[in-house]
C-alpha atoms as a PDB file:
ATOM      1  CA  MET A   1     105.406  35.227 -90.346  1.00  0.00           C
ATOM      2  CA  PRO A   2     106.066  31.435 -90.396  1.00  0.00           C
ATOM      3  CA  PRO A   3     104.155  29.367 -87.812  1.00  0.00           C
ATOM      4  CA  GLY A   4     107.365  28.385 -86.024  1.00  0.00           C
ATOM      5  CA  THR A   5     108.338  32.041 -85.637  1.00  0.00           C
ATOM      6  CA  ARG A   6     104.910  32.925 -84.222  1.00  0.00           C
ATOM      7  CA  MET A   7     105.135  30.073 -81.735  1.00  0.00           C
ATOM      8  CA  ALA A   8     108.612  31.189 -80.632  1.00  0.00           C
ATOM      9  CA  ALA A   9     107.402  34.788 -80.252  1.00  0.00           C
ATOM     10  CA  ALA A  10     104.440  33.698 -78.096  1.00  0.00           C
ATOM     11  CA  GLN A  11     106.727  31.562 -75.945  1.00  0.00           C
ATOM     12  CA  MET A  12     109.168  34.460 -75.481  1.00  0.00           C
ATOM     13  CA  LEU A  13     106.285  36.779 -74.551  1.00  0.00           C
ATOM     14  CA  LEU A  14     105.098  34.261 -71.963  1.00  0.00           C
ATOM     15  CA  MET A  15     108.518  34.002 -70.322  1.00  0.00           C
ATOM     16  CA  ARG A  16     108.990  37.782 -70.214  1.00  0.00           C
ATOM     17  CA  SER A  17     105.522  38.267 -68.747  1.00  0.00           C
ATOM     18  CA  ALA A  18     106.242  35.674 -66.051  1.00  0.00           C
ATOM     19  CA  VAL A  19     109.580  37.309 -65.153  1.00  0.00           C
ATOM     20  CA  ALA A  20     107.945  40.736 -64.945  1.00  0.00           C
ATOM     21  CA  ALA A  21     105.056  39.425 -62.840  1.00  0.00           C
ATOM     22  CA  PHE A  22     107.312  37.605 -60.369  1.00  0.00           C
ATOM     23  CA  TRP A  23     109.627  40.613 -60.164  1.00  0.00           C
ATOM     24  CA  GLU A  24     106.764  42.758 -58.904  1.00  0.00           C
ATOM     25  CA  HIS A  25     105.049  40.008 -56.897  1.00  0.00           C
ATOM     26  CA  PRO A  26     107.494  37.277 -55.823  1.00  0.00           C
ATOM     27  CA  TYR A  27     106.086  33.778 -55.476  1.00  0.00           C
ATOM     28  CA  GLU A  28     105.983  33.236 -51.708  1.00  0.00           C
ATOM     29  CA  ARG A  29     103.237  30.635 -51.450  1.00  0.00           C
ATOM     30  CA  GLN A  30     103.968  27.123 -50.258  1.00  0.00           C
ATOM     31  CA  LEU A  31     104.907  24.731 -53.050  1.00  0.00           C
ATOM     32  CA  ILE A  32     102.597  21.806 -53.771  1.00  0.00           C
ATOM     33  CA  ARG A  33     103.915  18.283 -53.472  1.00  0.00           C
ATOM     34  CA  TRP A  34     102.200  16.620 -56.412  1.00  0.00           C
ATOM     35  CA  GLY A  35     103.699  13.184 -55.792  1.00  0.00           C
ATOM     36  CA  THR A  36     102.741  10.568 -58.351  1.00  0.00           C
ATOM     37  CA  ARG A  37     100.279  12.971 -60.015  1.00  0.00           C
ATOM     38  CA  VAL A  38     103.241  14.421 -61.905  1.00  0.00           C
ATOM     39  CA  HIS A  39     103.414  11.167 -63.872  1.00  0.00           C
ATOM     40  CA  ASP A  40      99.636  10.757 -64.067  1.00  0.00           C
ATOM     41  CA  ASP A  41      97.566  13.947 -64.398  1.00  0.00           C
ATOM     42  CA  PHE A  42     100.233  16.103 -65.991  1.00  0.00           C
ATOM     43  CA  MET A  43     101.034  13.543 -68.667  1.00  0.00           C
ATOM     44  CA  LEU A  44      97.543  13.998 -70.178  1.00  0.00           C
ATOM     45  CA  PRO A  45      96.715  16.933 -72.493  1.00  0.00           C
ATOM     46  CA  HIS A  46      93.510  17.881 -70.668  1.00  0.00           C
ATOM     47  CA  TYR A  47      95.179  18.520 -67.309  1.00  0.00           C
ATOM     48  CA  VAL A  48      98.220  20.181 -68.878  1.00  0.00           C
ATOM     49  CA  GLU A  49      95.971  22.589 -70.775  1.00  0.00           C
ATOM     50  CA  ARG A  50      93.880  23.319 -67.694  1.00  0.00           C
ATOM     51  CA  ASP A  51      96.952  23.972 -65.542  1.00  0.00           C
ATOM     52  CA  PHE A  52      98.399  26.240 -68.246  1.00  0.00           C
ATOM     53  CA  ALA A  53      95.108  28.159 -68.402  1.00  0.00           C
ATOM     54  CA  ASN A  54      95.318  28.732 -64.634  1.00  0.00           C
ATOM     55  CA  ALA A  55      98.821  30.154 -65.072  1.00  0.00           C
ATOM     56  CA  LEU A  56      97.579  32.525 -67.776  1.00  0.00           C
ATOM     57  CA  ASP A  57      94.717  33.627 -65.505  1.00  0.00           C
ATOM     58  CA  GLU A  58      97.203  34.494 -62.766  1.00  0.00           C
ATOM     59  CA  LEU A  59      99.356  36.486 -65.186  1.00  0.00           C
ATOM     60  CA  ARG A  60      96.247  38.298 -66.421  1.00  0.00           C
ATOM     61  CA  ALA A  61      95.391  39.250 -62.852  1.00  0.00           C
ATOM     62  CA  ARG A  62      98.868  40.751 -62.512  1.00  0.00           C
ATOM     63  CA  GLY A  63      98.449  42.936 -65.580  1.00  0.00           C
ATOM     64  CA  HIS A  64      99.775  40.671 -68.341  1.00  0.00           C
ATOM     65  CA  ALA A  65      96.837  39.724 -70.557  1.00  0.00           C
ATOM     66  CA  LEU A  66      97.882  36.791 -72.740  1.00  0.00           C
ATOM     67  CA  ASP A  67      95.296  35.232 -75.010  1.00  0.00           C
ATOM     68  CA  PRO A  68      95.122  31.415 -74.613  1.00  0.00           C
ATOM     69  CA  ALA A  69      94.490  31.169 -78.368  1.00  0.00           C
ATOM     70  CA  TRP A  70      98.078  32.296 -78.963  1.00  0.00           C
ATOM     71  CA  PHE A  71      99.304  29.011 -77.458  1.00  0.00           C
ATOM     72  CA  ALA A  72      96.849  26.668 -79.184  1.00  0.00           C
ATOM     73  CA  PRO A  73      99.515  25.702 -81.783  1.00  0.00           C
ATOM     74  CA  HIS A  74     101.864  24.682 -78.962  1.00  0.00           C
ATOM     75  CA  LEU A  75      99.286  22.302 -77.493  1.00  0.00           C
ATOM     76  CA  ALA A  76      98.324  20.927 -80.909  1.00  0.00           C
ATOM     77  CA  PHE A  77     101.989  20.353 -81.750  1.00  0.00           C
ATOM     78  CA  ARG A  78     102.852  18.654 -78.465  1.00  0.00           C
ATOM     79  CA  PHE A  79      99.596  16.666 -78.189  1.00  0.00           C
ATOM     80  CA  PRO A  80      98.655  15.830 -81.792  1.00  0.00           C
ATOM     81  CA  HIS A  81      95.149  14.701 -82.574  1.00  0.00           C
ATOM     82  CA  ILE A  82      95.134  11.028 -83.603  1.00  0.00           C
ATOM     83  CA  GLY A  83      91.502  10.578 -84.529  1.00  0.00           C
ATOM     84  CA  SER A  84      87.909  10.490 -83.318  1.00  0.00           C
ATOM     85  CA  VAL A  85      84.831   8.379 -83.950  1.00  0.00           C
ATOM     86  CA  PRO A  86      81.116   8.966 -83.186  1.00  0.00           C
ATOM     87  CA  VAL A  87      79.366   6.113 -81.412  1.00  0.00           C
ATOM     88  CA  HIS A  88      75.704   6.143 -80.371  1.00  0.00           C
ATOM     89  CA  ASP A  89      75.391   9.929 -79.899  1.00  0.00           C
ATOM     90  CA  THR A  90      78.780  10.021 -78.180  1.00  0.00           C
ATOM     91  CA  GLU A  91      82.221  10.839 -79.514  1.00  0.00           C
ATOM     92  CA  VAL A  92      85.516   9.225 -78.591  1.00  0.00           C
ATOM     93  CA  GLU A  93      88.656  11.246 -79.319  1.00  0.00           C
ATOM     94  CA  LEU A  94      92.204   9.938 -79.173  1.00  0.00           C
ATOM     95  CA  ARG A  95      95.147  12.265 -78.652  1.00  0.00           C
ATOM     96  CA  ALA A  96      98.836  11.675 -77.995  1.00  0.00           C
ATOM     97  CA  ALA A  97     100.024  12.256 -74.428  1.00  0.00           C
ATOM     98  CA  LEU A  98     103.358  12.633 -72.670  1.00  0.00           C
ATOM     99  CA  GLU A  99     105.497   9.711 -71.576  1.00  0.00           C
ATOM    100  CA  PRO A 100     108.886  10.080 -69.855  1.00  0.00           C
ATOM    101  CA  TRP A 101     111.524   7.662 -71.075  1.00  0.00           C
ATOM    102  CA  HIS A 102     113.906   5.953 -68.665  1.00  0.00           C
ATOM    103  CA  VAL A 103     117.661   5.990 -69.101  1.00  0.00           C
ATOM    104  CA  LEU A 104     118.996   2.474 -68.616  1.00  0.00           C
ATOM    105  CA  GLY A 105     122.302   1.365 -67.172  1.00  0.00           C
ATOM    106  CA  GLU A 106     125.591   1.311 -69.007  1.00  0.00           C
ATOM    107  CA  GLU A 107     126.124  -1.385 -71.619  1.00  0.00           C
ATOM    108  CA  THR A 108     128.974  -2.357 -73.840  1.00  0.00           C
ATOM    109  CA  GLY A 109     128.557  -1.206 -77.425  1.00  0.00           C
ATOM    110  CA  ALA A 110     130.566  -1.344 -80.621  1.00  0.00           C
ATOM    111  CA  ALA A 111     132.155   2.046 -79.960  1.00  0.00           C
ATOM    112  CA  GLY A 112     132.524   1.651 -76.199  1.00  0.00           C
ATOM    113  CA  THR A 113     130.148   2.135 -73.287  1.00  0.00           C
ATOM    114  CA  VAL A 114     126.637   3.334 -74.122  1.00  0.00           C
ATOM    115  CA  ARG A 115     123.486   4.127 -72.135  1.00  0.00           C
ATOM    116  CA  TYR A 116     120.281   3.286 -73.943  1.00  0.00           C
ATOM    117  CA  VAL A 117     116.999   5.148 -73.509  1.00  0.00           C
ATOM    118  CA  ASP A 118     113.938   2.952 -73.126  1.00  0.00           C
ATOM    119  CA  SER A 119     111.557   4.438 -75.705  1.00  0.00           C
ATOM    120  CA  SER A 120     109.271   1.408 -75.810  1.00  0.00           C
ATOM    121  CA  VAL A 121     106.423   2.861 -73.730  1.00  0.00           C
ATOM    122  CA  GLU A 122     103.926   5.400 -75.053  1.00  0.00           C
ATOM    123  CA  ARG A 123     100.758   7.024 -73.741  1.00  0.00           C
ATOM    124  CA  VAL A 124      97.544   8.332 -75.261  1.00  0.00           C
ATOM    125  CA  GLN A 125      94.534  10.198 -73.908  1.00  0.00           C
ATOM    126  CA  ALA A 126      90.963   9.189 -74.624  1.00  0.00           C
ATOM    127  CA  ARG A 127      88.275  11.856 -74.333  1.00  0.00           C
ATOM    128  CA  VAL A 128      84.573  11.025 -74.511  1.00  0.00           C
ATOM    129  CA  THR A 129      81.730  13.531 -74.894  1.00  0.00           C
ATOM    130  CA  GLY A 130      77.989  13.007 -74.580  1.00  0.00           C
ATOM    131  CA  TRP A 131      78.848  10.123 -72.266  1.00  0.00           C
ATOM    132  CA  VAL A 132      76.347   8.281 -70.062  1.00  0.00           C
ATOM    133  CA  ASP A 133      78.546   6.842 -67.343  1.00  0.00           C
ATOM    134  CA  GLU A 134      75.808   4.603 -65.933  1.00  0.00           C
ATOM    135  CA  ARG A 135      75.411   2.815 -69.277  1.00  0.00           C
ATOM    136  CA  PHE A 136      78.692   2.939 -71.192  1.00  0.00           C
ATOM    137  CA  ALA A 137      82.224   1.833 -70.433  1.00  0.00           C
ATOM    138  CA  LEU A 138      85.296   2.515 -72.549  1.00  0.00           C
ATOM    139  CA  ALA A 139      87.571  -0.474 -73.029  1.00  0.00           C
ATOM    140  CA  CYS A 140      91.066  -0.655 -74.484  1.00  0.00           C
ATOM    141  CA  ASN A 141      92.150  -4.150 -75.496  1.00  0.00           C
ATOM    142  CA  GLY A 142      89.393  -5.502 -73.262  1.00  0.00           C
ATOM    143  CA  ARG A 143      90.405  -3.477 -70.175  1.00  0.00           C
ATOM    144  CA  ALA A 144      88.364  -0.600 -68.761  1.00  0.00           C
ATOM    145  CA  VAL A 145      89.858   2.863 -69.187  1.00  0.00           C
ATOM    146  CA  PRO A 146      89.554   4.885 -65.933  1.00  0.00           C
ATOM    147  CA  LEU A 147      87.421   7.822 -67.085  1.00  0.00           C
ATOM    148  CA  ASN A 148      87.396  10.976 -64.980  1.00  0.00           C
ATOM    149  CA  PRO A 149      84.816  13.773 -65.308  1.00  0.00           C
ATOM    150  CA  THR A 150      85.844  17.219 -66.502  1.00  0.00           C
ATOM    151  CA  ASP A 151      84.119  20.551 -65.882  1.00  0.00           C
ATOM    152  CA  ARG A 152      81.778  19.868 -68.833  1.00  0.00           C
ATOM    153  CA  GLU A 153      78.670  17.744 -68.493  1.00  0.00           C
ATOM    154  CA  GLY A 154      79.011  14.362 -70.169  1.00  0.00           C
ATOM    155  CA  GLU A 155      82.754  14.735 -70.836  1.00  0.00           C
ATOM    156  CA  PHE A 156      85.349  12.357 -69.408  1.00  0.00           C
ATOM    157  CA  VAL A 157      89.070  11.799 -70.014  1.00  0.00           C
ATOM    158  CA  GLY A 158      91.436   8.956 -69.251  1.00  0.00           C
ATOM    159  CA  GLY A 159      94.938   7.837 -70.170  1.00  0.00           C
ATOM    160  CA  VAL A 160      96.269   4.584 -71.586  1.00  0.00           C
ATOM    161  CA  ARG A 161      99.896   3.600 -71.102  1.00  0.00           C
ATOM    162  CA  PHE A 162     101.181   0.750 -73.247  1.00  0.00           C
ATOM    163  CA  LYS A 163     104.286  -0.840 -74.666  1.00  0.00           C
ATOM    164  CA  ALA A 164     104.518   0.157 -78.300  1.00  0.00           C
ATOM    165  CA  TRP A 165     107.864  -1.312 -79.320  1.00  0.00           C
ATOM    166  CA  ASN A 166     110.145  -4.144 -78.361  1.00  0.00           C
ATOM    167  CA  PRO A 167     113.688  -2.712 -78.629  1.00  0.00           C
ATOM    168  CA  PRO A 168     116.778  -4.777 -77.786  1.00  0.00           C
ATOM    169  CA  SER A 169     117.229  -2.840 -74.539  1.00  0.00           C
ATOM    170  CA  ALA A 170     114.125  -2.087 -72.495  1.00  0.00           C
ATOM    171  CA  LEU A 171     113.147  -1.750 -68.854  1.00  0.00           C
ATOM    172  CA  HIS A 172     110.716  -4.687 -69.068  1.00  0.00           C
ATOM    173  CA  PRO A 173     112.057  -7.015 -71.759  1.00  0.00           C
ATOM    174  CA  THR A 174     109.636  -9.841 -70.881  1.00  0.00           C
ATOM    175  CA  VAL A 175     106.526  -7.699 -71.434  1.00  0.00           C
ATOM    176  CA  GLY A 176     105.173  -7.965 -74.968  1.00  0.00           C
ATOM    177  CA  VAL A 177     103.802  -5.149 -77.075  1.00  0.00           C
ATOM    178  CA  HIS A 178     100.131  -4.164 -76.751  1.00  0.00           C
ATOM    179  CA  VAL A 179      99.510  -2.777 -80.226  1.00  0.00           C
ATOM    180  CA  PRO A 180      97.284  -2.289 -82.030  1.00  0.00           C
ATOM    181  CA  LEU A 181      95.070  -0.572 -79.463  1.00  0.00           C
ATOM    182  CA  ILE A 182      91.431  -1.506 -79.933  1.00  0.00           C
ATOM    183  CA  PHE A 183      88.941   0.800 -78.199  1.00  0.00           C
ATOM    184  CA  ASP A 184      85.361  -0.357 -77.586  1.00  0.00           C
ATOM    185  CA  VAL A 185      82.335   1.550 -76.338  1.00  0.00           C
ATOM    186  CA  PHE A 186      80.780  -1.173 -74.224  1.00  0.00           C
ATOM    187  CA  ASP A 187      77.035  -1.063 -73.629  1.00  0.00           C
ATOM    188  CA  ARG A 188      76.115  -2.506 -70.249  1.00  0.00           C
ATOM    189  CA  TRP A 189      72.468  -2.880 -71.305  1.00  0.00           C
ATOM    190  CA  THR A 190      73.154  -5.244 -74.208  1.00  0.00           C
ATOM    191  CA  GLY A 191      76.579  -6.634 -73.279  1.00  0.00           C
ATOM    192  CA  ARG A 192      77.983  -5.635 -76.676  1.00  0.00           C
ATOM    193  CA  SER A 193      80.394  -3.162 -78.149  1.00  0.00           C
ATOM    194  CA  LEU A 194      78.487  -0.413 -79.964  1.00  0.00           C
ATOM    195  CA  GLY A 195      81.549   0.739 -81.889  1.00  0.00           C
ATOM    196  CA  GLY A 196      85.125   1.805 -81.516  1.00  0.00           C
ATOM    197  CA  MET A 197      88.421   2.422 -83.248  1.00  0.00           C
ATOM    198  CA  THR A 198      91.878   0.963 -83.798  1.00  0.00           C
ATOM    199  CA  TYR A 199      95.229   2.694 -83.439  1.00  0.00           C
ATOM    200  CA  HIS A 200      98.573   1.421 -84.748  1.00  0.00           C
ATOM    201  CA  VAL A 201     101.882   2.926 -83.643  1.00  0.00           C
ATOM    202  CA  ALA A 202     103.555   1.878 -86.894  1.00  0.00           C
ATOM    203  CA  HIS A 203     102.423   1.297 -90.443  1.00  0.00           C
ATOM    204  CA  PRO A 204      99.447  -1.111 -90.220  1.00  0.00           C
ATOM    205  CA  GLY A 205     100.751  -3.099 -93.181  1.00  0.00           C
ATOM    206  CA  GLY A 206     104.170  -3.611 -91.611  1.00  0.00           C
ATOM    207  CA  ARG A 207     105.828  -1.208 -94.050  1.00  0.00           C
ATOM    208  CA  HIS A 208     109.024   0.520 -93.005  1.00  0.00           C
ATOM    209  CA  TYR A 209     109.384   4.186 -93.887  1.00  0.00           C
ATOM    210  CA  ASP A 210     112.562   5.003 -95.803  1.00  0.00           C
ATOM    211  CA  HIS A 211     113.026   8.473 -94.302  1.00  0.00           C
ATOM    212  CA  ARG A 212     111.739  10.737 -91.584  1.00  0.00           C
ATOM    213  CA  PRO A 213     108.794  13.065 -92.270  1.00  0.00           C
ATOM    214  CA  VAL A 214     109.956  16.093 -94.233  1.00  0.00           C
ATOM    215  CA  ASN A 215     107.449  18.387 -92.495  1.00  0.00           C
ATOM    216  CA  ALA A 216     104.490  18.415 -90.110  1.00  0.00           C
ATOM    217  CA  ASN A 217     102.007  17.651 -92.891  1.00  0.00           C
ATOM    218  CA  GLU A 218     103.690  14.379 -93.761  1.00  0.00           C
ATOM    219  CA  ALA A 219     103.932  13.438 -90.084  1.00  0.00           C
ATOM    220  CA  GLU A 220     100.210  14.091 -89.645  1.00  0.00           C
ATOM    221  CA  ALA A 221      99.412  12.045 -92.760  1.00  0.00           C
ATOM    222  CA  ARG A 222     101.375   9.093 -91.390  1.00  0.00           C
ATOM    223  CA  ARG A 223      99.628   9.400 -88.040  1.00  0.00           C
ATOM    224  CA  ARG A 224      96.173   9.463 -89.640  1.00  0.00           C
ATOM    225  CA  ALA A 225      97.049   6.442 -91.768  1.00  0.00           C
ATOM    226  CA  ARG A 226      97.586   4.455 -88.554  1.00  0.00           C
ATOM    227  CA  PHE A 227      94.111   5.295 -87.216  1.00  0.00           C
ATOM    228  CA  PHE A 228      90.969   3.405 -88.206  1.00  0.00           C
ATOM    229  CA  ALA A 229      87.461   4.478 -87.179  1.00  0.00           C
ATOM    230  CA  PHE A 230      86.426   0.832 -87.022  1.00  0.00           C
ATOM    231  CA  GLY A 231      87.772  -2.505 -85.821  1.00  0.00           C
ATOM    232  CA  HIS A 232      85.905  -2.781 -82.536  1.00  0.00           C
ATOM    233  CA  THR A 233      85.170  -6.118 -80.894  1.00  0.00           C
ATOM    234  CA  PRO A 234      82.269  -7.824 -82.716  1.00  0.00           C
ATOM    235  CA  GLY A 235      79.417  -9.553 -80.937  1.00  0.00           C
ATOM    236  CA  GLU A 236      79.054 -10.019 -77.215  1.00  0.00           C
ATOM    237  CA  MET A 237      82.027  -9.325 -74.985  1.00  0.00           C
ATOM    238  CA  PRO A 238      82.637  -9.525 -71.231  1.00  0.00           C
ATOM    239  CA  GLU A 239      82.129  -6.291 -69.364  1.00  0.00           C
ATOM    240  CA  PRO A 240      85.482  -4.552 -68.815  1.00  0.00           C
ATOM    241  CA  VAL A 241      86.324  -4.366 -65.136  1.00  0.00           C
ATOM    242  CA  GLU A 242      87.838  -1.109 -63.933  1.00  0.00           C
ATOM    243  CA  ILE A 243      90.797  -1.519 -61.585  1.00  0.00           C
ATOM    244  CA  ARG A 244      92.290   1.857 -60.699  1.00  0.00           C
ATOM    245  CA  SER A 245      95.914   2.122 -59.722  1.00  0.00           C
ATOM    246  CA  ARG A 246      96.540   3.814 -56.388  1.00  0.00           C
ATOM    247  CA  GLU A 247      99.600   5.598 -57.764  1.00  0.00           C
ATOM    248  CA  HIS A 248      98.135   6.570 -61.162  1.00  0.00           C
ATOM    249  CA  PRO A 249      94.332   6.515 -60.870  1.00  0.00           C
ATOM    250  CA  ARG A 250      93.742   8.371 -64.146  1.00  0.00           C
ATOM    251  CA  THR A 251      95.768   6.048 -66.372  1.00  0.00           C
ATOM    252  CA  LEU A 252      95.313   2.470 -67.508  1.00  0.00           C
ATOM    253  CA  ASP A 253      98.732   0.792 -67.644  1.00  0.00           C
ATOM    254  CA  LEU A 254      98.422  -2.233 -69.904  1.00  0.00           C
ATOM    255  CA  ARG A 255     101.767  -3.539 -68.666  1.00  0.00           C
ATOM    256  CA  ARG A 256     100.248  -4.256 -65.234  1.00  0.00           C
ATOM    257  CA  VAL A 257      97.213  -6.277 -66.327  1.00  0.00           C
END
């Protein structure tokens, strides 16, 4: 069975199990007002996966045992792995995250009135393991990434929101692009960067692709070609200061700094 067919079958099984479970036990609990966490926590792969695991646990308690491994391809497809780098007994992993795009107002185009979609902003998730929070700090383009602990010792996650493109129509046309993203593992004891990585949203040599990826393998190859497990800030660097947003405390928005 092709992978796409297996993913569609697992998704159909999930929907039928949810309908059957709610038919026998209607959802009568009070709904949660998530507020700005919808555009903060649930944009990052870690919190989406954890929330989905809670939903599967509830279905399992109602007699519908669905294996979380069946939906691993869905998470890997929606949140592709960009790259990882080991630094001083720690590991920093970069993964694509969700980012809603805004629909702009009506403009006059060649064929009439059009409404552009602002696709200039993207988001990634950084996950660190074996992390010593009292010593290390993770910086992106010199700014501290707000790391939040998970249920595993020494593991933290945080999001980075940045402007990747500069299209003719954008919500913030005066804000420049922030790429490439340079991540540094800052050591507070020595005042230096112990290592890091660099991520480009386009071809690092400025090359323009002639066609879209023909399949997922080519898309993954292009994504890996834009990731470098080096390129951190050399020598001494100022300690990145963490300034958490009150609306989105788990995400560093480079447009606001």
